[in-house]
Full PDB file with SEQRES, HELIX, SHEET, SSBOND, CRYST1, ORIGX, SCALE, CONECT and MASTER records, all heavy atoms in Angstrom:
SEQRES   1 A   37  PRO VAL LYS CYS PHE VAL GLN VAL ASN VAL SER GLY GLU          
SEQRES   2 A   37  GLU SER LYS HIS GLY LEU SER LYS GLU GLU THR ILE PRO          
SEQRES   3 A   37  PHE ILE GLN ALA LEU GLU LYS PHE SER LYS ILE                  
HELIX    1 AA1 LYS A   21  ALA A   30  1                                  10    
HELIX    2 AA2 LEU A   31  LYS A   33  5                                   3    
CRYST1    1.000    1.000    1.000  90.00  90.00  90.00 P 1           1          
ORIGX1      1.000000  0.000000  0.000000        0.00000                         
ORIGX2      0.000000  1.000000  0.000000        0.00000                         
ORIGX3      0.000000  0.000000  1.000000        0.00000                         
SCALE1      1.000000  0.000000  0.000000        0.00000                         
SCALE2      0.000000  1.000000  0.000000        0.00000                         
SCALE3      0.000000  0.000000  1.000000        0.00000                         
ATOM      1  N   PRO A   1      -2.669   6.829  25.601  1.00  0.00           N  
ATOM      2  CA  PRO A   1      -3.627   7.159  24.542  1.00  0.00           C  
ATOM      3  C   PRO A   1      -3.577   8.642  24.166  1.00  0.00           C  
ATOM      4  O   PRO A   1      -3.421   9.509  25.030  1.00  0.00           O  
ATOM      5  CB  PRO A   1      -4.978   6.787  25.164  1.00  0.00           C  
ATOM      6  CG  PRO A   1      -4.651   5.711  26.144  1.00  0.00           C  
ATOM      7  CD  PRO A   1      -3.312   6.104  26.723  1.00  0.00           C  
ATOM      8  N   VAL A   2      -3.705   8.912  22.882  1.00  0.00           N  
ATOM      9  CA  VAL A   2      -3.637  10.270  22.356  1.00  0.00           C  
ATOM     10  C   VAL A   2      -5.030  10.695  21.878  1.00  0.00           C  
ATOM     11  O   VAL A   2      -5.715   9.939  21.182  1.00  0.00           O  
ATOM     12  CB  VAL A   2      -2.650  10.351  21.171  1.00  0.00           C  
ATOM     13  CG1 VAL A   2      -2.575  11.777  20.635  1.00  0.00           C  
ATOM     14  CG2 VAL A   2      -1.266   9.870  21.591  1.00  0.00           C  
ATOM     15  N   LYS A   3      -5.439  11.895  22.275  1.00  0.00           N  
ATOM     16  CA  LYS A   3      -6.727  12.438  21.825  1.00  0.00           C  
ATOM     17  C   LYS A   3      -6.563  12.934  20.388  1.00  0.00           C  
ATOM     18  O   LYS A   3      -5.769  13.833  20.140  1.00  0.00           O  
ATOM     19  CB  LYS A   3      -7.175  13.577  22.745  1.00  0.00           C  
ATOM     20  CG  LYS A   3      -7.485  13.119  24.156  1.00  0.00           C  
ATOM     21  CD  LYS A   3      -7.769  14.301  25.058  1.00  0.00           C  
ATOM     22  CE  LYS A   3      -8.036  13.834  26.486  1.00  0.00           C  
ATOM     23  NZ  LYS A   3      -8.149  14.954  27.427  1.00  0.00           N  
ATOM     24  N   CYS A   4      -7.302  12.325  19.487  1.00  0.00           N  
ATOM     25  CA  CYS A   4      -7.138  12.628  18.069  1.00  0.00           C  
ATOM     26  C   CYS A   4      -8.432  13.143  17.448  1.00  0.00           C  
ATOM     27  O   CYS A   4      -9.526  12.658  17.755  1.00  0.00           O  
ATOM     28  CB  CYS A   4      -6.718  11.371  17.303  1.00  0.00           C  
ATOM     29  SG  CYS A   4      -5.104  10.712  17.770  1.00  0.00           S  
ATOM     30  N   PHE A   5      -8.271  14.115  16.560  1.00  0.00           N  
ATOM     31  CA  PHE A   5      -9.335  14.524  15.651  1.00  0.00           C  
ATOM     32  C   PHE A   5      -9.036  13.886  14.296  1.00  0.00           C  
ATOM     33  O   PHE A   5      -7.909  13.981  13.801  1.00  0.00           O  
ATOM     34  CB  PHE A   5      -9.355  16.049  15.477  1.00  0.00           C  
ATOM     35  CG  PHE A   5      -9.861  16.806  16.673  1.00  0.00           C  
ATOM     36  CD1 PHE A   5      -9.001  17.175  17.693  1.00  0.00           C  
ATOM     37  CD2 PHE A   5     -11.198  17.162  16.767  1.00  0.00           C  
ATOM     38  CE1 PHE A   5      -9.455  17.884  18.787  1.00  0.00           C  
ATOM     39  CE2 PHE A   5     -11.669  17.879  17.863  1.00  0.00           C  
ATOM     40  CZ  PHE A   5     -10.799  18.233  18.880  1.00  0.00           C  
ATOM     41  N   VAL A   6     -10.019  13.252  13.709  1.00  0.00           N  
ATOM     42  CA  VAL A   6      -9.875  12.742  12.351  1.00  0.00           C  
ATOM     43  C   VAL A   6     -10.114  13.906  11.394  1.00  0.00           C  
ATOM     44  O   VAL A   6     -11.136  14.590  11.473  1.00  0.00           O  
ATOM     45  CB  VAL A   6     -10.859  11.587  12.088  1.00  0.00           C  
ATOM     46  CG1 VAL A   6     -10.892  11.221  10.605  1.00  0.00           C  
ATOM     47  CG2 VAL A   6     -10.465  10.367  12.918  1.00  0.00           C  
ATOM     48  N   GLN A   7      -9.152  14.132  10.489  1.00  0.00           N  
ATOM     49  CA  GLN A   7      -9.244  15.259   9.563  1.00  0.00           C  
ATOM     50  C   GLN A   7     -10.050  14.859   8.337  1.00  0.00           C  
ATOM     51  O   GLN A   7      -9.747  13.873   7.671  1.00  0.00           O  
ATOM     52  CB  GLN A   7      -7.859  15.739   9.144  1.00  0.00           C  
ATOM     53  CG  GLN A   7      -7.912  16.969   8.236  1.00  0.00           C  
ATOM     54  CD  GLN A   7      -6.557  17.613   8.039  1.00  0.00           C  
ATOM     55  OE1 GLN A   7      -5.573  17.221   8.660  1.00  0.00           O  
ATOM     56  NE2 GLN A   7      -6.498  18.601   7.175  1.00  0.00           N  
ATOM     57  N   VAL A   8     -11.067  15.670   8.043  1.00  0.00           N  
ATOM     58  CA  VAL A   8     -11.968  15.401   6.920  1.00  0.00           C  
ATOM     59  C   VAL A   8     -11.880  16.559   5.927  1.00  0.00           C  
ATOM     60  O   VAL A   8     -12.013  17.724   6.311  1.00  0.00           O  
ATOM     61  CB  VAL A   8     -13.427  15.233   7.404  1.00  0.00           C  
ATOM     62  CG1 VAL A   8     -14.321  14.793   6.246  1.00  0.00           C  
ATOM     63  CG2 VAL A   8     -13.513  14.228   8.554  1.00  0.00           C  
ATOM     64  N   ASN A   9     -11.659  16.235   4.689  1.00  0.00           N  
ATOM     65  CA  ASN A   9     -11.621  17.248   3.629  1.00  0.00           C  
ATOM     66  C   ASN A   9     -13.029  17.380   3.056  1.00  0.00           C  
ATOM     67  O   ASN A   9     -13.333  16.863   1.984  1.00  0.00           O  
ATOM     68  CB  ASN A   9     -10.610  16.842   2.557  1.00  0.00           C  
ATOM     69  CG  ASN A   9     -10.440  17.894   1.472  1.00  0.00           C  
ATOM     70  OD1 ASN A   9     -11.080  18.939   1.493  1.00  0.00           O  
ATOM     71  ND2 ASN A   9      -9.579  17.616   0.518  1.00  0.00           N  
ATOM     72  N   VAL A  10     -13.884  18.077   3.790  1.00  0.00           N  
ATOM     73  CA  VAL A  10     -15.297  18.177   3.409  1.00  0.00           C  
ATOM     74  C   VAL A  10     -15.453  18.872   2.060  1.00  0.00           C  
ATOM     75  O   VAL A  10     -16.268  18.469   1.227  1.00  0.00           O  
ATOM     76  CB  VAL A  10     -16.104  18.926   4.498  1.00  0.00           C  
ATOM     77  CG1 VAL A  10     -17.556  19.097   4.074  1.00  0.00           C  
ATOM     78  CG2 VAL A  10     -16.032  18.182   5.829  1.00  0.00           C  
ATOM     79  N   SER A  11     -14.676  19.907   1.833  1.00  0.00           N  
ATOM     80  CA  SER A  11     -14.818  20.702   0.605  1.00  0.00           C  
ATOM     81  C   SER A  11     -14.289  19.989  -0.633  1.00  0.00           C  
ATOM     82  O   SER A  11     -14.629  20.358  -1.761  1.00  0.00           O  
ATOM     83  CB  SER A  11     -14.090  22.040   0.761  1.00  0.00           C  
ATOM     84  OG  SER A  11     -12.686  21.832   0.842  1.00  0.00           O  
ATOM     85  N   GLY A  12     -13.438  18.971  -0.416  1.00  0.00           N  
ATOM     86  CA  GLY A  12     -12.879  18.239  -1.551  1.00  0.00           C  
ATOM     87  C   GLY A  12     -11.787  18.979  -2.302  1.00  0.00           C  
ATOM     88  O   GLY A  12     -11.385  18.552  -3.394  1.00  0.00           O  
ATOM     89  N   GLU A  13     -11.281  20.061  -1.728  1.00  0.00           N  
ATOM     90  CA  GLU A  13     -10.217  20.821  -2.392  1.00  0.00           C  
ATOM     91  C   GLU A  13      -8.922  20.003  -2.434  1.00  0.00           C  
ATOM     92  O   GLU A  13      -8.529  19.412  -1.432  1.00  0.00           O  
ATOM     93  CB  GLU A  13      -9.958  22.130  -1.641  1.00  0.00           C  
ATOM     94  CG  GLU A  13     -11.087  23.129  -1.716  1.00  0.00           C  
ATOM     95  CD  GLU A  13     -10.820  24.328  -0.825  1.00  0.00           C  
ATOM     96  OE1 GLU A  13     -11.124  24.246   0.378  1.00  0.00           O  
ATOM     97  OE2 GLU A  13     -10.296  25.332  -1.326  1.00  0.00           O  
ATOM     98  N   GLU A  14      -8.263  20.014  -3.584  1.00  0.00           N  
ATOM     99  CA  GLU A  14      -7.027  19.247  -3.732  1.00  0.00           C  
ATOM    100  C   GLU A  14      -5.910  19.785  -2.842  1.00  0.00           C  
ATOM    101  O   GLU A  14      -4.995  19.045  -2.470  1.00  0.00           O  
ATOM    102  CB  GLU A  14      -6.576  19.267  -5.197  1.00  0.00           C  
ATOM    103  CG  GLU A  14      -7.440  18.379  -6.091  1.00  0.00           C  
ATOM    104  CD  GLU A  14      -6.898  18.286  -7.501  1.00  0.00           C  
ATOM    105  OE1 GLU A  14      -5.752  18.721  -7.742  1.00  0.00           O  
ATOM    106  OE2 GLU A  14      -7.631  17.769  -8.366  1.00  0.00           O  
ATOM    107  N   SER A  15      -5.987  21.061  -2.504  1.00  0.00           N  
ATOM    108  CA  SER A  15      -4.930  21.678  -1.694  1.00  0.00           C  
ATOM    109  C   SER A  15      -5.021  21.289  -0.216  1.00  0.00           C  
ATOM    110  O   SER A  15      -4.123  21.583   0.564  1.00  0.00           O  
ATOM    111  CB  SER A  15      -5.016  23.206  -1.809  1.00  0.00           C  
ATOM    112  OG  SER A  15      -6.279  23.675  -1.344  1.00  0.00           O  
ATOM    113  N   LYS A  16      -6.115  20.626   0.168  1.00  0.00           N  
ATOM    114  CA  LYS A  16      -6.315  20.296   1.584  1.00  0.00           C  
ATOM    115  C   LYS A  16      -6.109  18.797   1.834  1.00  0.00           C  
ATOM    116  O   LYS A  16      -6.445  17.960   1.003  1.00  0.00           O  
ATOM    117  CB  LYS A  16      -7.714  20.715   2.037  1.00  0.00           C  
ATOM    118  CG  LYS A  16      -7.880  22.231   2.152  1.00  0.00           C  
ATOM    119  CD  LYS A  16      -9.245  22.600   2.694  1.00  0.00           C  
ATOM    120  CE  LYS A  16      -9.311  24.066   3.098  1.00  0.00           C  
ATOM    121  NZ  LYS A  16      -8.994  25.002   2.027  1.00  0.00           N  
ATOM    122  N   HIS A  17      -5.567  18.498   3.008  1.00  0.00           N  
ATOM    123  CA  HIS A  17      -5.408  17.113   3.435  1.00  0.00           C  
ATOM    124  C   HIS A  17      -6.714  16.620   4.058  1.00  0.00           C  
ATOM    125  O   HIS A  17      -7.620  17.392   4.348  1.00  0.00           O  
ATOM    126  CB  HIS A  17      -4.283  17.003   4.467  1.00  0.00           C  
ATOM    127  CG  HIS A  17      -2.924  17.266   3.897  1.00  0.00           C  
ATOM    128  ND1 HIS A  17      -2.144  16.286   3.333  1.00  0.00           N  
ATOM    129  CD2 HIS A  17      -2.205  18.420   3.797  1.00  0.00           C  
ATOM    130  CE1 HIS A  17      -1.006  16.803   2.910  1.00  0.00           C  
ATOM    131  NE2 HIS A  17      -1.011  18.106   3.182  1.00  0.00           N  
ATOM    132  N   GLY A  18      -6.771  15.322   4.285  1.00  0.00           N  
ATOM    133  CA  GLY A  18      -7.917  14.764   4.988  1.00  0.00           C  
ATOM    134  C   GLY A  18      -8.669  13.734   4.164  1.00  0.00           C  
ATOM    135  O   GLY A  18      -8.501  13.608   2.945  1.00  0.00           O  
ATOM    136  N   LEU A  19      -9.512  12.999   4.868  1.00  0.00           N  
ATOM    137  CA  LEU A  19     -10.340  11.974   4.248  1.00  0.00           C  
ATOM    138  C   LEU A  19     -11.575  12.603   3.615  1.00  0.00           C  
ATOM    139  O   LEU A  19     -12.036  13.661   4.049  1.00  0.00           O  
ATOM    140  CB  LEU A  19     -10.799  10.981   5.313  1.00  0.00           C  
ATOM    141  CG  LEU A  19      -9.688  10.214   6.031  1.00  0.00           C  
ATOM    142  CD1 LEU A  19     -10.141   9.796   7.413  1.00  0.00           C  
ATOM    143  CD2 LEU A  19      -9.283   9.001   5.220  1.00  0.00           C  
ATOM    144  N   SER A  20     -12.125  11.931   2.624  1.00  0.00           N  
ATOM    145  CA  SER A  20     -13.428  12.359   2.109  1.00  0.00           C  
ATOM    146  C   SER A  20     -14.493  11.990   3.148  1.00  0.00           C  
ATOM    147  O   SER A  20     -14.258  11.162   4.037  1.00  0.00           O  
ATOM    148  CB  SER A  20     -13.736  11.669   0.784  1.00  0.00           C  
ATOM    149  OG  SER A  20     -13.959  10.284   0.998  1.00  0.00           O  
ATOM    150  N   LYS A  21     -15.661  12.589   3.010  1.00  0.00           N  
ATOM    151  CA  LYS A  21     -16.754  12.249   3.937  1.00  0.00           C  
ATOM    152  C   LYS A  21     -17.067  10.754   3.882  1.00  0.00           C  
ATOM    153  O   LYS A  21     -17.324  10.126   4.917  1.00  0.00           O  
ATOM    154  CB  LYS A  21     -18.006  13.057   3.600  1.00  0.00           C  
ATOM    155  CG  LYS A  21     -17.926  14.524   3.936  1.00  0.00           C  
ATOM    156  CD  LYS A  21     -19.292  15.189   3.874  1.00  0.00           C  
ATOM    157  CE  LYS A  21     -19.888  15.086   2.497  1.00  0.00           C  
ATOM    158  NZ  LYS A  21     -21.246  15.676   2.433  1.00  0.00           N  
ATOM    159  N   GLU A  22     -17.019  10.189   2.680  1.00  0.00           N  
ATOM    160  CA  GLU A  22     -17.368   8.777   2.495  1.00  0.00           C  
ATOM    161  C   GLU A  22     -16.345   7.843   3.143  1.00  0.00           C  
ATOM    162  O   GLU A  22     -16.690   6.735   3.576  1.00  0.00           O  
ATOM    163  CB  GLU A  22     -17.493   8.459   0.997  1.00  0.00           C  
ATOM    164  CG  GLU A  22     -18.629   9.172   0.286  1.00  0.00           C  
ATOM    165  CD  GLU A  22     -18.389  10.660   0.056  1.00  0.00           C  
ATOM    166  OE1 GLU A  22     -17.213  11.098   0.011  1.00  0.00           O  
ATOM    167  OE2 GLU A  22     -19.391  11.409  -0.055  1.00  0.00           O  
ATOM    168  N   GLU A  23     -15.117   8.290   3.205  1.00  0.00           N  
ATOM    169  CA  GLU A  23     -14.050   7.455   3.772  1.00  0.00           C  
ATOM    170  C   GLU A  23     -14.006   7.501   5.300  1.00  0.00           C  
ATOM    171  O   GLU A  23     -13.384   6.634   5.929  1.00  0.00           O  
ATOM    172  CB  GLU A  23     -12.685   7.933   3.253  1.00  0.00           C  
ATOM    173  CG  GLU A  23     -12.443   7.720   1.777  1.00  0.00           C  
ATOM    174  CD  GLU A  23     -11.194   8.429   1.288  1.00  0.00           C  
ATOM    175  OE1 GLU A  23     -10.881   9.538   1.786  1.00  0.00           O  
ATOM    176  OE2 GLU A  23     -10.528   7.879   0.395  1.00  0.00           O  
ATOM    177  N   THR A  24     -14.629   8.514   5.893  1.00  0.00           N  
ATOM    178  CA  THR A  24     -14.387   8.813   7.305  1.00  0.00           C  
ATOM    179  C   THR A  24     -14.874   7.720   8.257  1.00  0.00           C  
ATOM    180  O   THR A  24     -14.127   7.262   9.130  1.00  0.00           O  
ATOM    181  CB  THR A  24     -15.009  10.171   7.676  1.00  0.00           C  
ATOM    182  OG1 THR A  24     -14.417  11.191   6.851  1.00  0.00           O  
ATOM    183  CG2 THR A  24     -14.761  10.504   9.142  1.00  0.00           C  
ATOM    184  N   ILE A  25     -16.108   7.291   8.115  1.00  0.00           N  
ATOM    185  CA  ILE A  25     -16.632   6.288   9.058  1.00  0.00           C  
ATOM    186  C   ILE A  25     -15.910   4.944   8.918  1.00  0.00           C  
ATOM    187  O   ILE A  25     -15.504   4.355   9.936  1.00  0.00           O  
ATOM    188  CB  ILE A  25     -18.163   6.166   8.944  1.00  0.00           C  
ATOM    189  CG1 ILE A  25     -18.809   7.411   9.580  1.00  0.00           C  
ATOM    190  CG2 ILE A  25     -18.668   4.888   9.625  1.00  0.00           C  
ATOM    191  CD1 ILE A  25     -20.305   7.469   9.517  1.00  0.00           C  
ATOM    192  N   PRO A  26     -15.690   4.427   7.692  1.00  0.00           N  
ATOM    193  CA  PRO A  26     -14.892   3.186   7.591  1.00  0.00           C  
ATOM    194  C   PRO A  26     -13.498   3.337   8.218  1.00  0.00           C  
ATOM    195  O   PRO A  26     -12.994   2.390   8.848  1.00  0.00           O  
ATOM    196  CB  PRO A  26     -14.808   2.944   6.077  1.00  0.00           C  
ATOM    197  CG  PRO A  26     -16.021   3.598   5.519  1.00  0.00           C  
ATOM    198  CD  PRO A  26     -16.251   4.811   6.376  1.00  0.00           C  
ATOM    199  N   PHE A  27     -12.882   4.510   8.045  1.00  0.00           N  
ATOM    200  CA  PHE A  27     -11.569   4.745   8.645  1.00  0.00           C  
ATOM    201  C   PHE A  27     -11.655   4.686  10.172  1.00  0.00           C  
ATOM    202  O   PHE A  27     -10.835   4.010  10.828  1.00  0.00           O  
ATOM    203  CB  PHE A  27     -11.033   6.107   8.199  1.00  0.00           C  
ATOM    204  CG  PHE A  27      -9.732   6.508   8.863  1.00  0.00           C  
ATOM    205  CD1 PHE A  27      -8.527   5.908   8.512  1.00  0.00           C  
ATOM    206  CD2 PHE A  27      -9.710   7.479   9.857  1.00  0.00           C  
ATOM    207  CE1 PHE A  27      -7.330   6.267   9.127  1.00  0.00           C  
ATOM    208  CE2 PHE A  27      -8.527   7.853  10.472  1.00  0.00           C  
ATOM    209  CZ  PHE A  27      -7.334   7.238  10.106  1.00  0.00           C  
ATOM    210  N   ILE A  28     -12.634   5.351  10.739  1.00  0.00           N  
ATOM    211  CA  ILE A  28     -12.782   5.345  12.204  1.00  0.00           C  
ATOM    212  C   ILE A  28     -13.050   3.929  12.705  1.00  0.00           C  
ATOM    213  O   ILE A  28     -12.509   3.505  13.735  1.00  0.00           O  
ATOM    214  CB  ILE A  28     -13.892   6.328  12.635  1.00  0.00           C  
ATOM    215  CG1 ILE A  28     -13.417   7.771  12.400  1.00  0.00           C  
ATOM    216  CG2 ILE A  28     -14.262   6.129  14.116  1.00  0.00           C  
ATOM    217  CD1 ILE A  28     -14.468   8.835  12.637  1.00  0.00           C  
ATOM    218  N   GLN A  29     -13.856   3.164  11.984  1.00  0.00           N  
ATOM    219  CA  GLN A  29     -14.130   1.780  12.392  1.00  0.00           C  
ATOM    220  C   GLN A  29     -12.851   0.939  12.355  1.00  0.00           C  
ATOM    221  O   GLN A  29     -12.664   0.043  13.188  1.00  0.00           O  
ATOM    222  CB  GLN A  29     -15.211   1.186  11.478  1.00  0.00           C  
ATOM    223  CG  GLN A  29     -16.587   1.787  11.742  1.00  0.00           C  
ATOM    224  CD  GLN A  29     -17.629   1.381  10.717  1.00  0.00           C  
ATOM    225  OE1 GLN A  29     -17.315   1.218   9.534  1.00  0.00           O  
ATOM    226  NE2 GLN A  29     -18.872   1.230  11.155  1.00  0.00           N  
ATOM    227  N   ALA A  30     -11.952   1.252  11.440  1.00  0.00           N  
ATOM    228  CA  ALA A  30     -10.688   0.503  11.328  1.00  0.00           C  
ATOM    229  C   ALA A  30      -9.708   0.843  12.450  1.00  0.00           C  
ATOM    230  O   ALA A  30      -8.707   0.144  12.627  1.00  0.00           O  
ATOM    231  CB  ALA A  30     -10.040   0.795   9.976  1.00  0.00           C  
ATOM    232  N   LEU A  31     -10.004   1.888  13.223  1.00  0.00           N  
ATOM    233  CA  LEU A  31      -9.107   2.297  14.308  1.00  0.00           C  
ATOM    234  C   LEU A  31      -9.354   1.512  15.600  1.00  0.00           C  
ATOM    235  O   LEU A  31      -8.634   1.700  16.579  1.00  0.00           O  
ATOM    236  CB  LEU A  31      -9.272   3.803  14.597  1.00  0.00           C  
ATOM    237  CG  LEU A  31      -8.871   4.763  13.467  1.00  0.00           C  
ATOM    238  CD1 LEU A  31      -9.243   6.200  13.845  1.00  0.00           C  
ATOM    239  CD2 LEU A  31      -7.379   4.669  13.159  1.00  0.00           C  
ATOM    240  N   GLU A  32     -10.331   0.638  15.600  1.00  0.00           N  
ATOM    241  CA  GLU A  32     -10.699  -0.092  16.818  1.00  0.00           C  
ATOM    242  C   GLU A  32      -9.527  -0.857  17.421  1.00  0.00           C  
ATOM    243  O   GLU A  32      -9.400  -0.966  18.645  1.00  0.00           O  
ATOM    244  CB  GLU A  32     -11.847  -1.060  16.518  1.00  0.00           C  
ATOM    245  CG  GLU A  32     -12.335  -1.817  17.749  1.00  0.00           C  
ATOM    246  CD  GLU A  32     -13.524  -2.701  17.445  1.00  0.00           C  
ATOM    247  OE1 GLU A  32     -13.818  -2.912  16.252  1.00  0.00           O  
ATOM    248  OE2 GLU A  32     -14.153  -3.177  18.404  1.00  0.00           O  
ATOM    249  N   LYS A  33      -8.638  -1.344  16.569  1.00  0.00           N  
ATOM    250  CA  LYS A  33      -7.540  -2.192  17.058  1.00  0.00           C  
ATOM    251  C   LYS A  33      -6.402  -1.399  17.687  1.00  0.00           C  
ATOM    252  O   LYS A  33      -5.460  -1.988  18.223  1.00  0.00           O  
ATOM    253  CB  LYS A  33      -6.994  -3.038  15.898  1.00  0.00           C  
ATOM    254  CG  LYS A  33      -6.432  -2.229  14.751  1.00  0.00           C  
ATOM    255  CD  LYS A  33      -6.045  -3.118  13.569  1.00  0.00           C  
ATOM    256  CE  LYS A  33      -5.546  -2.290  12.392  1.00  0.00           C  
ATOM    257  NZ  LYS A  33      -5.251  -3.099  11.212  1.00  0.00           N  
ATOM    258  N   PHE A  34      -6.455  -0.058  17.621  1.00  0.00           N  
ATOM    259  CA  PHE A  34      -5.356   0.762  18.134  1.00  0.00           C  
ATOM    260  C   PHE A  34      -5.680   1.271  19.548  1.00  0.00           C  
ATOM    261  O   PHE A  34      -6.536   2.128  19.715  1.00  0.00           O  
ATOM    262  CB  PHE A  34      -5.090   1.947  17.196  1.00  0.00           C  
ATOM    263  CG  PHE A  34      -4.691   1.537  15.807  1.00  0.00           C  
ATOM    264  CD1 PHE A  34      -5.543   1.737  14.735  1.00  0.00           C  
ATOM    265  CD2 PHE A  34      -3.459   0.946  15.567  1.00  0.00           C  
ATOM    266  CE1 PHE A  34      -5.187   1.362  13.444  1.00  0.00           C  
ATOM    267  CE2 PHE A  34      -3.091   0.561  14.285  1.00  0.00           C  
ATOM    268  CZ  PHE A  34      -3.958   0.769  13.229  1.00  0.00           C  
ATOM    269  N   SER A  35      -4.961   0.754  20.536  1.00  0.00           N  
ATOM    270  CA  SER A  35      -5.260   1.110  21.930  1.00  0.00           C  
ATOM    271  C   SER A  35      -4.792   2.522  22.297  1.00  0.00           C  
ATOM    272  O   SER A  35      -5.216   3.078  23.303  1.00  0.00           O  
ATOM    273  CB  SER A  35      -4.600   0.103  22.866  1.00  0.00           C  
ATOM    274  OG  SER A  35      -3.183   0.166  22.735  1.00  0.00           O  
ATOM    275  N   LYS A  36      -3.895   3.098  21.493  1.00  0.00           N  
ATOM    276  CA  LYS A  36      -3.327   4.410  21.822  1.00  0.00           C  
ATOM    277  C   LYS A  36      -4.061   5.569  21.135  1.00  0.00           C  
ATOM    278  O   LYS A  36      -3.632   6.712  21.232  1.00  0.00           O  
ATOM    279  CB  LYS A  36      -1.842   4.457  21.422  1.00  0.00           C  
ATOM    280  CG  LYS A  36      -0.979   3.400  22.114  1.00  0.00           C  
ATOM    281  CD  LYS A  36      -0.835   3.668  23.593  1.00  0.00           C  
ATOM    282  CE  LYS A  36      -0.036   2.581  24.297  1.00  0.00           C  
ATOM    283  NZ  LYS A  36       1.291   2.358  23.722  1.00  0.00           N  
ATOM    284  N   ILE A  37      -5.149   5.274  20.443  1.00  0.00           N  
ATOM    285  CA  ILE A  37      -5.870   6.324  19.718  1.00  0.00           C  
ATOM    286  C   ILE A  37      -7.286   6.456  20.250  1.00  0.00           C  
ATOM    287  O   ILE A  37      -8.043   5.486  20.290  1.00  0.00           O  
ATOM    288  CB  ILE A  37      -5.885   6.037  18.208  1.00  0.00           C  
ATOM    289  CG1 ILE A  37      -4.474   6.245  17.640  1.00  0.00           C  
ATOM    290  CG2 ILE A  37      -6.884   6.951  17.486  1.00  0.00           C  
ATOM    291  CD1 ILE A  37      -4.308   5.879  16.213  1.00  0.00           C  
TER     292      ILE A  37                                                      
MASTER        0    0    0    2    0    0    0    6  291    1    0    3          
END                                                                             
């Protein structure tokens, strides 16, 4: 298992990577099936 930080683009800047705040929790919930994360 790998210790991961989920990257969130809080500021919404186009130059930055990451999920929007609204996308973050659904994304984390979708990670349940991954045993290595």
